[in-house]
Amino acid sequence: MIALISHMGALSEEAARVMLEVLTRMGEEIEAAIETIEVLSDEELLRSIEEGSEDIKRGAVLPLEEFLEKHGYK
């Protein structure tokens, strides 16, 4: 990154803005990929997601209002 910044003087202001935008997006994409890998490597989390999905398919869910009341939010 330091090398990039030191060379920015030679870039137009627009080119530097675009480059920083691209690098920011790349960083966000890398972070998302890391998070995906973390989720996919957590067997307990994957089981929980699957169980939740099955609950939804069976209709074993509460309406939001009922959930909030049950857990003391209303």
N, C-alpha and C. Protein backbone atom coordinates (compact mmCIF):
# COMPACT_ATOMS: atom_id res chain seq x y z
N MET A 1 0.83 -1.19 0.00
CA MET A 1 0.00 0.00 0.00
C MET A 1 0.88 1.25 0.00
N ILE A 2 2.00 1.21 0.74
CA ILE A 2 2.88 2.38 0.79
C ILE A 2 3.43 2.68 -0.60
N ALA A 3 3.81 1.63 -1.34
CA ALA A 3 4.31 1.83 -2.69
C ALA A 3 3.23 2.45 -3.56
N LEU A 4 1.99 2.02 -3.38
CA LEU A 4 0.88 2.57 -4.15
C LEU A 4 0.72 4.05 -3.86
N ILE A 5 0.75 4.42 -2.59
CA ILE A 5 0.58 5.82 -2.21
C ILE A 5 1.73 6.66 -2.75
N SER A 6 2.95 6.15 -2.70
CA SER A 6 4.09 6.93 -3.17
C SER A 6 4.02 7.17 -4.68
N HIS A 7 3.33 6.31 -5.42
CA HIS A 7 3.20 6.48 -6.86
C HIS A 7 1.96 7.28 -7.24
N MET A 8 1.11 7.59 -6.29
CA MET A 8 -0.13 8.30 -6.61
C MET A 8 0.13 9.71 -7.12
N GLY A 9 1.25 10.28 -6.77
CA GLY A 9 1.56 11.62 -7.26
C GLY A 9 1.57 11.66 -8.77
N ALA A 10 1.92 10.56 -9.41
CA ALA A 10 1.99 10.49 -10.86
C ALA A 10 0.62 10.22 -11.48
N LEU A 11 -0.37 9.87 -10.67
CA LEU A 11 -1.70 9.57 -11.17
C LEU A 11 -2.58 10.82 -11.14
N SER A 12 -3.52 10.87 -12.03
CA SER A 12 -4.48 11.96 -11.95
C SER A 12 -5.33 11.76 -10.72
N GLU A 13 -5.96 12.79 -10.28
CA GLU A 13 -6.82 12.71 -9.11
C GLU A 13 -7.94 11.70 -9.33
N GLU A 14 -8.51 11.68 -10.52
CA GLU A 14 -9.60 10.73 -10.84
C GLU A 14 -9.09 9.30 -10.84
N ALA A 15 -7.92 9.06 -11.42
CA ALA A 15 -7.36 7.72 -11.46
C ALA A 15 -7.06 7.23 -10.04
N ALA A 16 -6.56 8.10 -9.19
CA ALA A 16 -6.27 7.73 -7.81
C ALA A 16 -7.56 7.40 -7.07
N ARG A 17 -8.62 8.19 -7.29
CA ARG A 17 -9.90 7.95 -6.65
C ARG A 17 -10.46 6.60 -7.06
N VAL A 18 -10.39 6.31 -8.36
CA VAL A 18 -10.89 5.03 -8.87
C VAL A 18 -10.08 3.88 -8.30
N MET A 19 -8.77 4.03 -8.24
CA MET A 19 -7.92 2.97 -7.72
C MET A 19 -8.24 2.69 -6.25
N LEU A 20 -8.41 3.73 -5.46
CA LEU A 20 -8.75 3.55 -4.05
C LEU A 20 -10.12 2.90 -3.90
N GLU A 21 -11.05 3.26 -4.76
CA GLU A 21 -12.38 2.65 -4.74
C GLU A 21 -12.29 1.15 -5.04
N VAL A 22 -11.50 0.81 -6.04
CA VAL A 22 -11.33 -0.60 -6.41
C VAL A 22 -10.67 -1.37 -5.27
N LEU A 23 -9.64 -0.80 -4.67
CA LEU A 23 -8.97 -1.47 -3.57
C LEU A 23 -9.90 -1.66 -2.37
N THR A 24 -10.74 -0.67 -2.11
CA THR A 24 -11.71 -0.77 -1.02
C THR A 24 -12.67 -1.90 -1.30
N ARG A 25 -13.20 -1.98 -2.51
CA ARG A 25 -14.11 -3.06 -2.88
C ARG A 25 -13.44 -4.42 -2.78
N MET A 26 -12.19 -4.48 -3.22
CA MET A 26 -11.45 -5.75 -3.13
C MET A 26 -11.32 -6.18 -1.67
N GLY A 27 -11.03 -5.23 -0.80
CA GLY A 27 -10.92 -5.54 0.62
C GLY A 27 -12.22 -6.07 1.17
N GLU A 28 -13.34 -5.47 0.76
CA GLU A 28 -14.65 -5.93 1.20
C GLU A 28 -14.94 -7.33 0.69
N GLU A 29 -14.58 -7.61 -0.55
CA GLU A 29 -14.79 -8.94 -1.14
C GLU A 29 -13.94 -9.98 -0.43
N ILE A 30 -12.71 -9.63 -0.11
CA ILE A 30 -11.82 -10.56 0.60
C ILE A 30 -12.39 -10.85 1.98
N GLU A 31 -12.87 -9.83 2.69
CA GLU A 31 -13.47 -10.01 4.00
C GLU A 31 -14.69 -10.92 3.92
N ALA A 32 -15.54 -10.72 2.91
CA ALA A 32 -16.72 -11.57 2.72
C ALA A 32 -16.31 -13.02 2.46
N ALA A 33 -15.27 -13.21 1.66
CA ALA A 33 -14.80 -14.57 1.37
C ALA A 33 -14.27 -15.24 2.63
N ILE A 34 -13.55 -14.50 3.45
CA ILE A 34 -13.04 -15.05 4.71
C ILE A 34 -14.19 -15.45 5.62
N GLU A 35 -15.21 -14.59 5.73
CA GLU A 35 -16.37 -14.90 6.55
C GLU A 35 -17.09 -16.15 6.04
N THR A 36 -17.21 -16.29 4.73
CA THR A 36 -17.85 -17.47 4.14
C THR A 36 -17.06 -18.72 4.48
N ILE A 37 -15.77 -18.66 4.37
CA ILE A 37 -14.91 -19.80 4.70
C ILE A 37 -15.07 -20.16 6.17
N GLU A 38 -15.13 -19.15 7.03
CA GLU A 38 -15.30 -19.41 8.46
C GLU A 38 -16.63 -20.12 8.74
N VAL A 39 -17.70 -19.66 8.10
CA VAL A 39 -19.01 -20.30 8.29
C VAL A 39 -18.98 -21.73 7.77
N LEU A 40 -18.46 -21.92 6.58
CA LEU A 40 -18.44 -23.25 5.97
C LEU A 40 -17.55 -24.24 6.73
N SER A 41 -16.62 -23.73 7.51
CA SER A 41 -15.74 -24.63 8.26
C SER A 41 -16.25 -24.89 9.68
N ASP A 42 -17.37 -24.28 10.05
CA ASP A 42 -17.95 -24.46 11.38
C ASP A 42 -19.11 -25.45 11.30
N GLU A 43 -18.81 -26.71 11.59
CA GLU A 43 -19.81 -27.77 11.44
C GLU A 43 -21.03 -27.55 12.33
N GLU A 44 -20.83 -27.07 13.55
CA GLU A 44 -21.95 -26.83 14.46
C GLU A 44 -22.87 -25.74 13.91
N LEU A 45 -22.29 -24.67 13.38
CA LEU A 45 -23.08 -23.60 12.79
C LEU A 45 -23.86 -24.10 11.58
N LEU A 46 -23.22 -24.90 10.73
CA LEU A 46 -23.90 -25.44 9.56
C LEU A 46 -25.08 -26.33 9.96
N ARG A 47 -24.88 -27.14 11.02
CA ARG A 47 -25.99 -27.97 11.52
C ARG A 47 -27.14 -27.11 12.02
N SER A 48 -26.81 -26.04 12.72
CA SER A 48 -27.85 -25.14 13.24
C SER A 48 -28.62 -24.48 12.10
N ILE A 49 -27.92 -24.08 11.07
CA ILE A 49 -28.57 -23.47 9.91
C ILE A 49 -29.50 -24.48 9.25
N GLU A 50 -29.03 -25.71 9.09
CA GLU A 50 -29.85 -26.76 8.49
C GLU A 50 -31.08 -27.04 9.34
N GLU A 51 -30.91 -27.11 10.66
CA GLU A 51 -32.05 -27.33 11.55
C GLU A 51 -33.07 -26.19 11.43
N GLY A 52 -32.59 -24.98 11.37
CA GLY A 52 -33.48 -23.83 11.22
C GLY A 52 -34.23 -23.88 9.91
N SER A 53 -33.54 -24.28 8.87
CA SER A 53 -34.17 -24.41 7.55
C SER A 53 -35.27 -25.47 7.59
N GLU A 54 -34.99 -26.58 8.25
CA GLU A 54 -35.99 -27.65 8.37
C GLU A 54 -37.18 -27.17 9.20
N ASP A 55 -36.93 -26.41 10.26
CA ASP A 55 -38.03 -25.85 11.06
C ASP A 55 -38.94 -24.97 10.19
N ILE A 56 -38.34 -24.16 9.36
CA ILE A 56 -39.11 -23.28 8.48
C ILE A 56 -39.95 -24.11 7.52
N LYS A 57 -39.36 -25.15 6.93
CA LYS A 57 -40.09 -26.01 5.99
C LYS A 57 -41.28 -26.69 6.67
N ARG A 58 -41.10 -27.08 7.94
CA ARG A 58 -42.19 -27.74 8.68
C ARG A 58 -43.20 -26.74 9.24
N GLY A 59 -42.88 -25.47 9.17
CA GLY A 59 -43.77 -24.45 9.73
C GLY A 59 -43.63 -24.29 11.23
N ALA A 60 -42.54 -24.81 11.77
CA ALA A 60 -42.30 -24.74 13.22
C ALA A 60 -41.62 -23.42 13.57
N VAL A 61 -42.34 -22.34 13.31
CA VAL A 61 -41.83 -20.99 13.57
C VAL A 61 -42.90 -20.16 14.26
N LEU A 62 -42.49 -19.07 14.89
CA LEU A 62 -43.42 -18.16 15.54
C LEU A 62 -43.53 -16.87 14.74
N PRO A 63 -44.71 -16.29 14.68
CA PRO A 63 -44.81 -14.95 14.09
C PRO A 63 -43.98 -13.98 14.94
N LEU A 64 -43.47 -12.93 14.35
CA LEU A 64 -42.60 -11.98 15.04
C LEU A 64 -43.25 -11.45 16.32
N GLU A 65 -44.50 -11.05 16.24
CA GLU A 65 -45.19 -10.50 17.41
C GLU A 65 -45.20 -11.50 18.56
N GLU A 66 -45.49 -12.75 18.26
CA GLU A 66 -45.54 -13.80 19.28
C GLU A 66 -44.14 -14.04 19.87
N PHE A 67 -43.13 -14.03 19.01
CA PHE A 67 -41.75 -14.22 19.48
C PHE A 67 -41.36 -13.10 20.44
N LEU A 68 -41.68 -11.86 20.06
CA LEU A 68 -41.33 -10.72 20.91
C LEU A 68 -42.02 -10.79 22.25
N GLU A 69 -43.29 -11.16 22.25
CA GLU A 69 -44.03 -11.30 23.50
C GLU A 69 -43.43 -12.43 24.36
N LYS A 70 -43.15 -13.56 23.74
CA LYS A 70 -42.63 -14.73 24.45
C LYS A 70 -41.29 -14.41 25.13
N HIS A 71 -40.49 -13.56 24.53
CA HIS A 71 -39.16 -13.26 25.06
C HIS A 71 -39.11 -11.92 25.78
N GLY A 72 -40.29 -11.37 26.11
CA GLY A 72 -40.36 -10.18 26.95
C GLY A 72 -40.01 -8.86 26.30
N TYR A 73 -40.16 -8.77 25.00
CA TYR A 73 -39.86 -7.51 24.31
C TYR A 73 -41.10 -6.65 24.15
N LYS A 74 -42.27 -7.17 24.53
CA LYS A 74 -43.51 -6.39 24.43
C LYS A 74 -44.24 -6.45 25.72
